[in-house]
C-alpha cells in the first residue's frame, strides 16, 4: 500500500520496520518460526485476499458479478503485495483493516471491476474468514507437534513400563509407581487434547459471509449458494447462518489450543520438578548452552520446561480473553470481536510453541532409573505405608493398623530408621509381622495396575497413530 493511502498521515506512513510492533526479542523464545509465520500479518492479509477472490468468483458463478470483473478481482488478489503494517496504520480511521484493504484493491483495479470488489460483504466477513484460514494452518502445525509429543511419551511409557519410582502427591512420596505409568499419563492427556483440537479443526472452521446485517440482502436469493461456493473454494465449513456475534466456534478452537498447551505444560512442570537437585531423576536433552546460567557455571536449568510453562500460562490467560468476548451486542460487537484479532494469534503462537518445545524436550529426555530407586529407598519404606496398613488390617483391625503405621512412620522420620524396624517396635505388631507377605517391603509388590495402565495407554496410541 503506497504511503498516504486510505487517509494515513505522514507520521503514520513511516516504515513498517520502525512503527510495527516488534516481537523479535521475546517472540522466538516462546514459539516456532512456522507458527510465527502462520499467524503473521502477511498470513492474515493472504487470508483476506483469498476471501475477496473467492467471493467475486462465486458471485460471478451465480450471475451477480460480471465474469470479467470477477477474473480481474481474483487476479489482483493473487498478485497484490500489501504491507500489513501500512494496512494496520490505515485501519485506525475505521477500526478495521478490511476497509483500507478493499480501498486498495479498488485503487488497483480497472473502473469496470472496482465496483464489484467486496460486493454484498462486510468487513467482518473478510476478517473472520481470514482468521479461520489462519487457524486452519495453525491447527495443522499444532497437531503435527502433538503427534511428536505423543510419540515421545509413548516411547518413554514403553521403555519404562516397569521402572519403579515414587509417585508423588502434594510433592511428597505417596506410593510406588512406574515411570512408564507417569509417561502414560502424559500420553493420554496429550492424545485427548489432540482429539479435541482435531474435532474443532474438522467442524468449527467455517466461512463467514453475512453482509452488513447478517442477511446478505444484496445477494437476493443467491446468498446461501454464494456462501457454499466460497466455503468450498476456501476449504472451510458452511455455517447454518452468519455467526458475526456468535463466537462459539472461535472460543472452541481457542480453548482447544489452550488445552493442548495445558497438556504440554503438565509434562514440563513434572520434568522441572524431577530435575531439582535433590531429585535428579530426569534431565532435559543436553546441548551446548542449554540450561546455562549467566552467573553459575554448574547449573543445568530446566530451560525447555521454562519455555513451555511460560507459553502455557499465556495461552491459558489469552483463552480467557476470548471467552470474555462471547457476550456481544446484537448484530455487531463494540470491541469484543475486535479484541480477538491479536488475542487469538497470540494464543495460537503460545499454545503451539508449548506443544512443539515439549515434544523436543520429551524426545531427548534423559532418565535415571538408578536415581529413582535411590530416592524411593531414601525414605526408608514410607512409600509402602498404604500396603502395610492394608496387610495389617485383617490381623489387628483397621484402627490399630492405621495407628501403628502412622506411629512407625513418624519414627522413620525422627529416628532415621526403616519402616520395617519401626513397625517391629510397635506393640501388637511385632508378633504378627511373620504372617505378612514376604514381599511386603518390596516396592515392586505394590504397583497395582500400573503396568496394565501403561499397556492400555499404548494400545490407545497404537490405534491412533499405528506406530510400533
Protein backbone atom coordinates (compact mmCIF):
# COMPACT_ATOMS: atom_id res chain seq x y z
CA UNK A 1 0.00 0.00 0.00
CA UNK A 2 1.54 3.34 -1.00
CA UNK A 3 2.33 5.86 1.76
CA UNK A 4 -0.54 8.19 2.46
CA UNK A 5 -3.25 5.87 1.08
CA UNK A 6 -6.56 5.49 2.95
CA UNK A 7 -6.05 8.69 4.90
CA UNK A 8 -2.80 7.78 6.61
CA UNK A 9 -0.94 10.83 7.97
CA UNK A 10 2.70 11.44 7.14
CA UNK A 11 3.96 10.27 10.52
CA UNK A 12 1.82 7.14 10.24
CA UNK A 13 3.37 6.38 6.88
CA UNK A 14 6.81 5.78 8.32
CA UNK A 15 8.45 2.46 7.60
CA UNK A 16 6.83 -0.70 8.92
CA UNK A 17 10.17 -1.70 10.43
CA UNK A 18 10.07 1.30 12.74
CA UNK A 19 6.38 1.53 13.58
CA UNK A 20 5.04 -2.03 13.69
CA UNK A 21 5.11 -3.96 16.94
CA UNK A 22 8.48 -5.63 17.27
CA UNK A 23 8.34 -9.07 18.86
CA UNK A 24 11.73 -10.15 17.57
CA UNK A 25 13.32 -10.25 21.04
CA UNK A 26 10.87 -12.37 23.04
CA UNK A 27 8.71 -13.94 20.33
CA UNK A 28 11.21 -16.61 19.21
CA UNK A 29 11.66 -17.78 22.80
CA UNK A 30 8.08 -18.97 23.09
CA UNK A 31 7.01 -20.13 19.63
CA UNK A 32 8.32 -21.65 16.44
CA UNK A 33 9.20 -19.89 13.21
CA UNK A 34 6.44 -21.77 11.39
CA UNK A 35 3.81 -20.66 13.90
CA UNK A 36 5.07 -17.09 13.79
CA UNK A 37 4.70 -17.10 10.02
CA UNK A 38 1.29 -18.80 10.13
CA UNK A 39 -0.09 -16.08 12.43
CA UNK A 40 1.75 -13.13 10.92
CA UNK A 41 0.22 -10.04 9.43
CA UNK A 42 1.09 -11.38 6.00
CA UNK A 43 -0.84 -14.59 6.74
CA UNK A 44 -3.86 -12.50 7.72
CA UNK A 45 -3.63 -10.37 4.58
CA UNK A 46 -3.29 -13.50 2.44
CA UNK A 47 -6.47 -14.85 4.03
CA UNK A 48 -8.32 -11.60 3.43
CA UNK A 49 -7.27 -11.55 -0.21
CA UNK A 50 -8.24 -15.20 -0.62
CA UNK A 51 -11.70 -14.35 0.68
CA UNK A 52 -12.18 -11.43 -1.71
CA UNK A 53 -11.07 -13.53 -4.68
CA UNK A 54 -13.33 -16.44 -3.72
CA UNK A 55 -16.27 -14.09 -3.15
CA UNK A 56 -16.00 -12.45 -6.57
CA UNK A 57 -15.58 -15.83 -8.28
CA UNK A 58 -18.62 -17.29 -6.51
CA UNK A 59 -20.76 -14.26 -7.27
CA UNK A 60 -19.80 -14.47 -10.92
CA UNK A 61 -20.82 -18.12 -10.98
CA UNK A 62 -24.35 -17.28 -9.81
CA UNK A 63 -24.62 -14.30 -12.15
CA UNK A 64 -24.27 -11.47 -9.65
CA UNK A 65 -20.89 -10.17 -10.84
CA UNK A 66 -19.65 -9.87 -14.44
CA UNK A 67 -17.19 -12.70 -15.16
CA UNK A 68 -14.52 -10.36 -16.48
CA UNK A 69 -14.74 -8.24 -13.34
CA UNK A 70 -14.50 -11.33 -11.12
CA UNK A 71 -11.49 -12.58 -13.05
CA UNK A 72 -9.79 -9.19 -12.68
CA UNK A 73 -10.50 -9.14 -8.93
CA UNK A 74 -9.18 -12.66 -8.43
CA UNK A 75 -6.07 -11.86 -10.45
CA UNK A 76 -5.49 -8.65 -8.48
CA UNK A 77 -5.87 -10.53 -5.17
CA UNK A 78 -3.36 -13.16 -6.28
CA UNK A 79 -0.82 -10.57 -7.36
CA UNK A 80 -1.29 -7.97 -4.61
CA UNK A 81 1.63 -7.40 -2.27
CA UNK A 82 0.16 -5.35 0.55
CA UNK A 83 2.20 -4.33 3.57
CA UNK A 84 0.33 -5.45 6.72
CA UNK A 85 1.81 -2.69 8.86
CA UNK A 86 0.72 0.01 6.41
CA UNK A 87 -2.71 -1.58 6.27
CA UNK A 88 -2.88 -1.57 10.06
CA UNK A 89 -1.98 2.10 10.28
CA UNK A 90 -4.60 2.96 7.69
CA UNK A 91 -7.15 0.92 9.67
CA UNK A 92 -7.08 3.33 12.60
CA UNK A 93 -9.70 5.55 10.97
CA UNK A 94 -12.34 2.85 10.55
CA UNK A 95 -11.20 0.39 13.24
CA UNK A 96 -10.95 -2.37 10.63
CA UNK A 97 -8.11 -3.31 8.29
CA UNK A 98 -10.67 -4.68 5.83
CA UNK A 99 -11.71 -1.13 4.93
CA UNK A 100 -8.33 0.05 3.61
CA UNK A 101 -7.74 -3.38 2.04
CA UNK A 102 -10.88 -3.06 -0.06
CA UNK A 103 -9.98 0.54 -0.91
CA UNK A 104 -6.52 -0.56 -2.05
CA UNK A 105 -7.94 -3.32 -4.25
CA UNK A 106 -10.33 -0.86 -5.85
CA UNK A 107 -7.47 1.53 -6.49
CA UNK A 108 -5.58 -1.18 -8.35
CA UNK A 109 -8.49 -2.40 -10.48
CA UNK A 110 -9.88 -1.00 -13.75
CA UNK A 111 -13.02 1.08 -13.49
CA UNK A 112 -15.28 -1.71 -14.79
CA UNK A 113 -14.17 -4.05 -11.98
CA UNK A 114 -13.56 -1.85 -8.94
CA UNK A 115 -17.23 -1.55 -8.01
CA UNK A 116 -17.62 -5.32 -7.74
CA UNK A 117 -14.94 -5.83 -5.10
CA UNK A 118 -16.41 -6.94 -1.77
CA UNK A 119 -19.90 -6.97 -3.27
CA UNK A 120 -22.52 -7.73 -0.61
CA UNK A 121 -19.94 -8.44 2.09
CA UNK A 122 -18.96 -6.62 5.23
CA UNK A 123 -15.61 -6.08 6.96
CA UNK A 124 -16.24 -8.80 9.50
CA UNK A 125 -16.81 -11.33 6.72
CA UNK A 126 -13.30 -10.65 5.46
CA UNK A 127 -11.56 -10.77 8.83
CA UNK A 128 -13.44 -13.72 10.31
CA UNK A 129 -12.80 -15.82 7.23
CA UNK A 130 -9.13 -14.82 7.27
CA UNK A 131 -8.98 -15.89 10.92
CA UNK A 132 -10.42 -19.27 10.01
CA UNK A 133 -7.76 -19.72 7.33
CA UNK A 134 -5.04 -18.71 9.79
CA UNK A 135 -6.36 -21.19 12.35
CA UNK A 136 -6.52 -23.95 9.77
CA UNK A 137 -2.78 -23.65 9.21
CA UNK A 138 -2.10 -23.23 12.93
CA UNK A 139 -4.04 -26.34 13.89
CA UNK A 140 -2.23 -28.32 11.20
CA UNK A 141 1.11 -27.34 12.75
CA UNK A 142 0.00 -27.95 16.33
CA UNK A 143 -1.48 -31.35 15.53
CA UNK A 144 1.79 -32.39 13.91
CA UNK A 145 3.70 -31.39 17.04
CA UNK A 146 1.14 -33.11 19.25
CA UNK A 147 1.90 -36.25 17.29
CA UNK A 148 5.60 -35.83 18.05
CA UNK A 149 4.83 -35.23 21.72
CA UNK A 150 2.59 -38.29 21.90
CA UNK A 151 5.25 -40.41 20.20
CA UNK A 152 7.89 -39.31 22.72
CA UNK A 153 5.57 -40.03 25.65
CA UNK A 154 4.67 -43.45 24.21
CA UNK A 155 8.33 -44.32 23.80
CA UNK A 156 9.05 -43.44 27.43
CA UNK A 157 5.98 -45.33 28.63
CA UNK A 158 7.07 -48.44 26.77
CA UNK A 159 10.74 -48.27 27.76
CA UNK A 160 9.99 -47.59 31.43
CA UNK A 161 6.85 -49.68 31.83
CA UNK A 162 8.41 -51.41 34.85
CA UNK A 163 10.89 -48.77 36.03
CA UNK A 164 9.92 -48.29 39.65
CA UNK A 165 9.76 -44.77 41.03
CA UNK A 166 7.90 -42.86 43.71
CA UNK A 167 4.50 -41.46 42.92
CA UNK A 168 4.26 -38.02 44.48
CA UNK A 169 1.15 -36.35 45.84
CA UNK A 170 1.36 -32.80 47.18
CA UNK A 171 5.08 -33.02 46.25
CA UNK A 172 5.73 -35.87 48.72
CA UNK A 173 6.31 -39.59 48.23
CA UNK A 174 2.97 -41.37 48.13
CA UNK A 175 3.32 -44.96 46.90
CA UNK A 176 5.40 -46.84 44.36
CA UNK A 177 4.53 -46.46 40.69
CA UNK A 178 6.49 -46.80 37.47
CA UNK A 179 7.97 -44.04 35.38
CA UNK A 180 6.16 -45.65 32.47
CA UNK A 181 2.87 -45.07 34.28
CA UNK A 182 3.74 -41.39 34.66
CA UNK A 183 4.63 -41.13 30.98
CA UNK A 184 1.42 -42.96 30.09
CA UNK A 185 -0.48 -40.25 31.95
CA UNK A 186 1.24 -37.62 29.82
CA UNK A 187 0.46 -39.63 26.70
CA UNK A 188 -3.26 -39.95 27.31
CA UNK A 189 -3.64 -36.27 28.21
CA UNK A 190 -1.81 -35.22 25.05
CA UNK A 191 -3.89 -37.54 22.88
CA UNK A 192 -7.16 -36.33 24.38
CA UNK A 193 -6.14 -32.72 23.82
CA UNK A 194 -5.27 -33.65 20.25
CA UNK A 195 -8.64 -35.31 19.72
CA UNK A 196 -10.35 -32.16 20.92
CA UNK A 197 -8.30 -29.92 18.62
CA UNK A 198 -8.77 -32.27 15.68
CA UNK A 199 -12.54 -32.18 16.10
CA UNK A 200 -12.52 -28.39 16.40
CA UNK A 201 -10.45 -28.17 13.22
CA UNK A 202 -12.81 -30.52 11.40
CA UNK A 203 -16.12 -28.95 12.35
CA UNK A 204 -15.61 -25.41 13.64
CA UNK A 205 -13.57 -23.67 10.94
CA UNK A 206 -16.34 -22.12 8.87
CA UNK A 207 -16.56 -19.36 6.31
CA UNK A 208 -18.10 -16.06 7.40
CA UNK A 209 -20.39 -14.32 4.93
CA UNK A 210 -23.43 -12.40 6.06
CA UNK A 211 -23.13 -8.87 4.78
CA UNK A 212 -23.74 -5.76 6.89
CA UNK A 213 -26.62 -7.16 8.95
CA UNK A 214 -26.20 -10.91 8.54
CA UNK A 215 -28.92 -11.15 5.86
CA UNK A 216 -26.92 -10.97 2.59
CA UNK A 217 -29.70 -8.77 1.24
CA UNK A 218 -27.52 -7.54 -1.64
CA UNK A 219 -27.26 -11.08 -2.98
CA UNK A 220 -31.01 -11.64 -3.15
CA UNK A 221 -31.95 -15.31 -3.08
CA UNK A 222 -28.44 -16.36 -4.11
CA UNK A 223 -26.94 -15.71 -0.68
CA UNK A 224 -26.82 -19.29 0.64
CA UNK A 225 -25.45 -20.59 -2.66
CA UNK A 226 -22.67 -17.99 -2.67
CA UNK A 227 -21.78 -18.91 0.90
CA UNK A 228 -21.47 -22.54 -0.11
CA UNK A 229 -19.31 -21.75 -3.13
CA UNK A 230 -16.96 -19.52 -1.13
CA UNK A 231 -16.66 -22.18 1.57
CA UNK A 232 -15.84 -24.86 -1.00
CA UNK A 233 -13.25 -22.67 -2.69
CA UNK A 234 -11.53 -21.91 0.62
CA UNK A 235 -11.88 -25.40 2.12
CA UNK A 236 -13.98 -24.23 5.06
CA UNK A 237 -17.25 -25.45 6.54
CA UNK A 238 -20.61 -23.94 5.61
CA UNK A 239 -22.28 -22.49 8.73
CA UNK A 240 -26.02 -22.66 9.27
CA UNK A 241 -26.09 -18.88 9.19
CA UNK A 242 -23.67 -15.98 9.61
CA UNK A 243 -22.04 -16.02 13.05
CA UNK A 244 -20.96 -12.38 13.46
CA UNK A 245 -21.85 -12.16 17.14
CA UNK A 246 -21.93 -15.88 17.89
CA UNK A 247 -18.30 -16.50 18.80
CA UNK A 248 -18.74 -20.10 19.89
CA UNK A 249 -16.57 -21.55 17.15
CA UNK A 250 -13.72 -19.09 17.82
CA UNK A 251 -13.93 -19.83 21.53
CA UNK A 252 -13.95 -23.59 20.93
CA UNK A 253 -10.84 -23.54 18.75
CA UNK A 254 -9.12 -21.17 21.18
CA UNK A 255 -9.94 -23.35 24.16
CA UNK A 256 -8.84 -26.46 22.25
CA UNK A 257 -5.47 -24.79 21.67
CA UNK A 258 -5.27 -23.79 25.33
CA UNK A 259 -5.98 -27.40 26.36
CA UNK A 260 -3.09 -28.54 24.19
CA UNK A 261 -0.88 -26.01 25.92
CA UNK A 262 -2.07 -27.28 29.28
CA UNK A 263 -1.23 -30.88 28.40
CA UNK A 264 2.25 -29.78 27.34
CA UNK A 265 2.59 -27.65 30.46
CA UNK A 266 1.79 -30.62 32.68
CA UNK A 267 4.69 -32.52 31.12
CA UNK A 268 7.02 -29.55 31.55
CA UNK A 269 6.09 -28.98 35.18
CA UNK A 270 6.70 -32.62 36.08
CA UNK A 271 10.06 -32.59 34.35
CA UNK A 272 11.13 -29.36 36.04
CA UNK A 273 10.30 -30.87 39.43
CA UNK A 274 12.12 -34.11 38.63
CA UNK A 275 15.18 -32.08 37.59
CA UNK A 276 15.57 -30.48 41.03
CA UNK A 277 18.99 -31.09 42.54
CA UNK A 278 17.54 -33.14 45.39
CA UNK A 279 15.59 -35.29 42.94
CA UNK A 280 17.65 -35.53 39.72
CA UNK A 281 15.57 -38.34 38.24
CA UNK A 282 15.35 -36.90 34.72
CA UNK A 283 17.12 -34.23 32.70
CA UNK A 284 16.24 -32.30 29.59
CA UNK A 285 18.24 -33.18 26.46
CA UNK A 286 21.77 -31.89 26.75
CA UNK A 287 23.16 -29.41 24.24
CA UNK A 288 25.83 -26.73 24.29
CA UNK A 289 24.49 -23.76 26.21
CA UNK A 290 21.12 -25.33 27.05
CA UNK A 291 20.06 -24.65 30.62
CA UNK A 292 23.09 -22.47 31.25
CA UNK A 293 23.13 -19.82 33.98
CA UNK A 294 24.52 -16.33 33.36
CA UNK A 295 26.43 -16.49 36.65
CA UNK A 296 26.57 -20.09 37.93
CA UNK A 297 28.65 -22.38 35.72
CA UNK A 298 27.48 -25.57 37.42
CA UNK A 299 23.77 -25.06 36.71
CA UNK A 300 21.71 -27.21 34.37
CA UNK A 301 18.45 -25.33 34.42
CA UNK A 302 15.16 -26.69 33.03
CA UNK A 303 15.26 -24.15 30.20
CA UNK A 304 12.94 -26.03 27.87
CA UNK A 305 10.40 -26.52 30.65
CA UNK A 306 10.60 -22.80 31.35
CA UNK A 307 9.71 -22.01 27.75
CA UNK A 308 6.82 -24.46 27.74
CA UNK A 309 5.39 -23.29 31.06
CA UNK A 310 5.65 -19.60 30.20
CA UNK A 311 3.90 -20.18 26.88
CA UNK A 312 1.29 -22.36 28.58
CA UNK A 313 0.40 -19.70 31.14
CA UNK A 314 -0.01 -17.08 28.43
CA UNK A 315 -2.19 -19.38 26.33
CA UNK A 316 -4.49 -20.12 29.25
CA UNK A 317 -4.88 -16.42 30.07
CA UNK A 318 -5.49 -15.47 26.45
CA UNK A 319 -8.22 -18.11 26.17
CA UNK A 320 -9.94 -16.26 28.98
CA UNK A 321 -9.90 -13.08 26.93
CA UNK A 322 -11.60 -14.89 24.05
CA UNK A 323 -14.23 -16.37 26.36
CA UNK A 324 -14.90 -12.98 27.93
CA UNK A 325 -15.73 -11.64 24.48
CA UNK A 326 -18.53 -14.08 23.73
CA UNK A 327 -21.24 -11.76 25.04
CA UNK A 328 -21.72 -9.36 22.14
CA UNK A 329 -24.20 -6.70 21.15
CA UNK A 330 -26.97 -7.70 18.74
CA UNK A 331 -25.61 -8.00 15.15
CA UNK A 332 -22.16 -6.41 15.58
CA UNK A 333 -19.85 -6.18 18.58
CA UNK A 334 -18.41 -2.99 20.00
CA UNK A 335 -14.88 -4.07 20.88
CA UNK A 336 -15.35 -7.71 21.87
CA UNK A 337 -14.88 -9.09 18.36
CA UNK A 338 -12.04 -6.70 17.64
CA UNK A 339 -10.23 -7.91 20.78
CA UNK A 340 -9.86 -11.32 19.11
CA UNK A 341 -7.63 -10.05 16.28
CA UNK A 342 -4.42 -10.04 18.28
CA UNK A 343 -5.52 -12.34 21.09
CA UNK A 344 -6.23 -15.48 19.06
CA UNK A 345 -2.96 -15.39 17.07
CA UNK A 346 -1.00 -14.76 20.28
CA UNK A 347 -2.79 -17.69 21.89
CA UNK A 348 -2.03 -19.87 18.88
CA UNK A 349 1.66 -18.95 18.94
CA UNK A 350 1.92 -19.62 22.66
CA UNK A 351 -0.03 -22.89 22.62
CA UNK A 352 1.74 -24.19 19.57
CA UNK A 353 5.11 -23.18 20.98
CA UNK A 354 4.37 -25.00 24.22
CA UNK A 355 3.50 -28.20 22.36
CA UNK A 356 6.47 -28.02 20.00
CA UNK A 357 9.04 -27.35 22.71
CA UNK A 358 7.54 -30.05 24.95
CA UNK A 359 7.89 -32.52 22.10
CA UNK A 360 11.56 -31.59 21.68
CA UNK A 361 12.12 -31.87 25.41
CA UNK A 362 10.46 -35.25 25.82
CA UNK A 363 12.04 -36.78 22.72
CA UNK A 364 15.53 -36.44 24.20
CA UNK A 365 14.70 -36.80 27.89
CA UNK A 366 17.45 -38.41 29.97
CA UNK A 367 16.01 -40.79 32.57
CA UNK A 368 17.86 -42.15 35.62
CA UNK A 369 16.23 -45.35 36.96
CA UNK A 370 19.07 -45.67 39.48
CA UNK A 371 18.29 -42.27 40.96
CA UNK A 372 14.60 -43.15 41.10
CA UNK A 373 15.40 -46.30 43.06
CA UNK A 374 17.75 -44.37 45.33
CA UNK A 375 15.14 -41.72 46.09
CA UNK A 376 12.46 -44.31 46.77
CA UNK A 377 14.73 -46.22 49.14
CA UNK A 378 15.79 -42.98 50.80
CA UNK A 379 12.51 -42.66 52.69
CA UNK A 380 13.01 -45.95 54.48
CA UNK A 381 9.97 -47.71 53.10
CA UNK A 382 7.44 -44.95 53.82
CA UNK A 383 6.05 -45.32 50.30
CA UNK A 384 4.75 -48.73 51.41
CA UNK A 385 2.75 -47.40 54.37
CA UNK A 386 -0.50 -47.91 52.47
CA UNK A 387 0.35 -51.55 51.85
CA UNK A 388 1.34 -52.15 55.46
CA UNK A 389 -1.95 -50.72 56.66
CA UNK A 390 -3.83 -52.90 54.17
CA UNK A 391 -1.95 -56.09 55.12
CA UNK A 392 -2.14 -55.50 58.88
CA UNK A 393 -5.87 -54.72 58.93
CA UNK A 394 -7.04 -58.39 58.77
CA UNK A 395 -4.57 -59.22 61.56
CA UNK A 396 -5.11 -56.43 64.10
CA UNK A 397 -8.05 -54.40 62.76
CA UNK A 398 -8.08 -51.21 60.68
CA UNK A 399 -7.91 -48.67 63.50
CA UNK A 400 -4.95 -50.35 65.19
CA UNK A 401 -3.22 -50.94 61.86
CA UNK A 402 -3.61 -47.28 60.90
CA UNK A 403 -2.40 -46.08 64.33
CA UNK A 404 0.60 -48.40 64.28
CA UNK A 405 1.71 -47.46 60.77
CA UNK A 406 1.30 -43.73 61.47
CA UNK A 407 3.34 -44.02 64.67
CA UNK A 408 6.02 -46.08 62.93
CA UNK A 409 6.14 -43.60 60.05
CA UNK A 410 6.88 -40.76 62.46
CA UNK A 411 9.74 -42.79 63.90
CA UNK A 412 11.19 -43.31 60.43
CA UNK A 413 11.44 -39.55 60.04
CA UNK A 414 12.56 -38.76 63.61
CA UNK A 415 14.96 -41.64 64.25
CA UNK A 416 16.12 -42.29 60.70
CA UNK A 417 15.25 -45.99 60.81
CA UNK A 418 13.37 -48.08 58.27
CA UNK A 419 9.62 -48.59 58.37
CA UNK A 420 10.21 -52.29 58.87
CA UNK A 421 12.28 -51.68 62.00
CA UNK A 422 9.91 -49.04 63.30
CA UNK A 423 6.93 -51.36 62.93
CA UNK A 424 8.73 -54.15 64.72
CA UNK A 425 8.86 -51.87 67.78
CA UNK A 426 5.12 -51.18 67.76
CA UNK A 427 3.14 -53.08 70.44
CA UNK A 428 0.94 -55.76 68.92
CA UNK A 429 2.62 -55.62 65.52
CA UNK A 430 5.90 -57.49 66.03
CA UNK A 431 4.15 -60.77 66.77
CA UNK A 432 2.06 -60.67 63.58
CA UNK A 433 4.78 -59.48 61.21
CA UNK A 434 5.85 -63.04 60.33
CA UNK A 435 2.35 -63.53 58.94
CA UNK A 436 2.75 -60.70 56.42
CA UNK A 437 3.54 -61.48 52.74
CA UNK A 438 7.28 -61.99 52.21
CA UNK A 439 7.46 -59.13 49.68
CA UNK A 440 5.54 -56.66 51.85
CA UNK A 441 8.51 -54.25 51.97
CA UNK A 442 9.34 -54.60 48.26
CA UNK A 443 8.06 -51.67 46.14
CA UNK A 444 7.70 -54.00 43.15
CA UNK A 445 4.95 -55.83 45.01
CA UNK A 446 2.74 -52.74 45.36
CA UNK A 447 2.43 -51.42 41.80
CA UNK A 448 -1.20 -52.38 41.43
CA UNK A 449 -2.34 -51.90 37.83
CA UNK A 450 0.47 -49.54 36.87
CA UNK A 451 1.80 -51.75 34.11
CA UNK A 452 -1.69 -52.63 32.87
CA UNK A 453 -2.49 -48.93 32.63
CA UNK A 454 0.67 -48.38 30.60
CA UNK A 455 -0.43 -51.13 28.22
CA UNK A 456 -3.86 -49.58 27.83
CA UNK A 457 -2.37 -46.17 27.05
CA UNK A 458 -0.02 -47.69 24.49
CA UNK A 459 -2.89 -49.58 22.88
CA UNK A 460 -4.79 -46.31 22.52
CA UNK A 461 -1.73 -44.71 20.99
CA UNK A 462 -1.15 -47.54 18.51
CA UNK A 463 -4.77 -47.38 17.36
CA UNK A 464 -4.47 -43.65 16.77
CA UNK A 465 -1.05 -43.48 15.17
CA UNK A 466 -0.22 -47.02 14.12
CA UNK A 467 3.34 -46.78 15.44
CA UNK A 468 5.07 -49.94 16.67
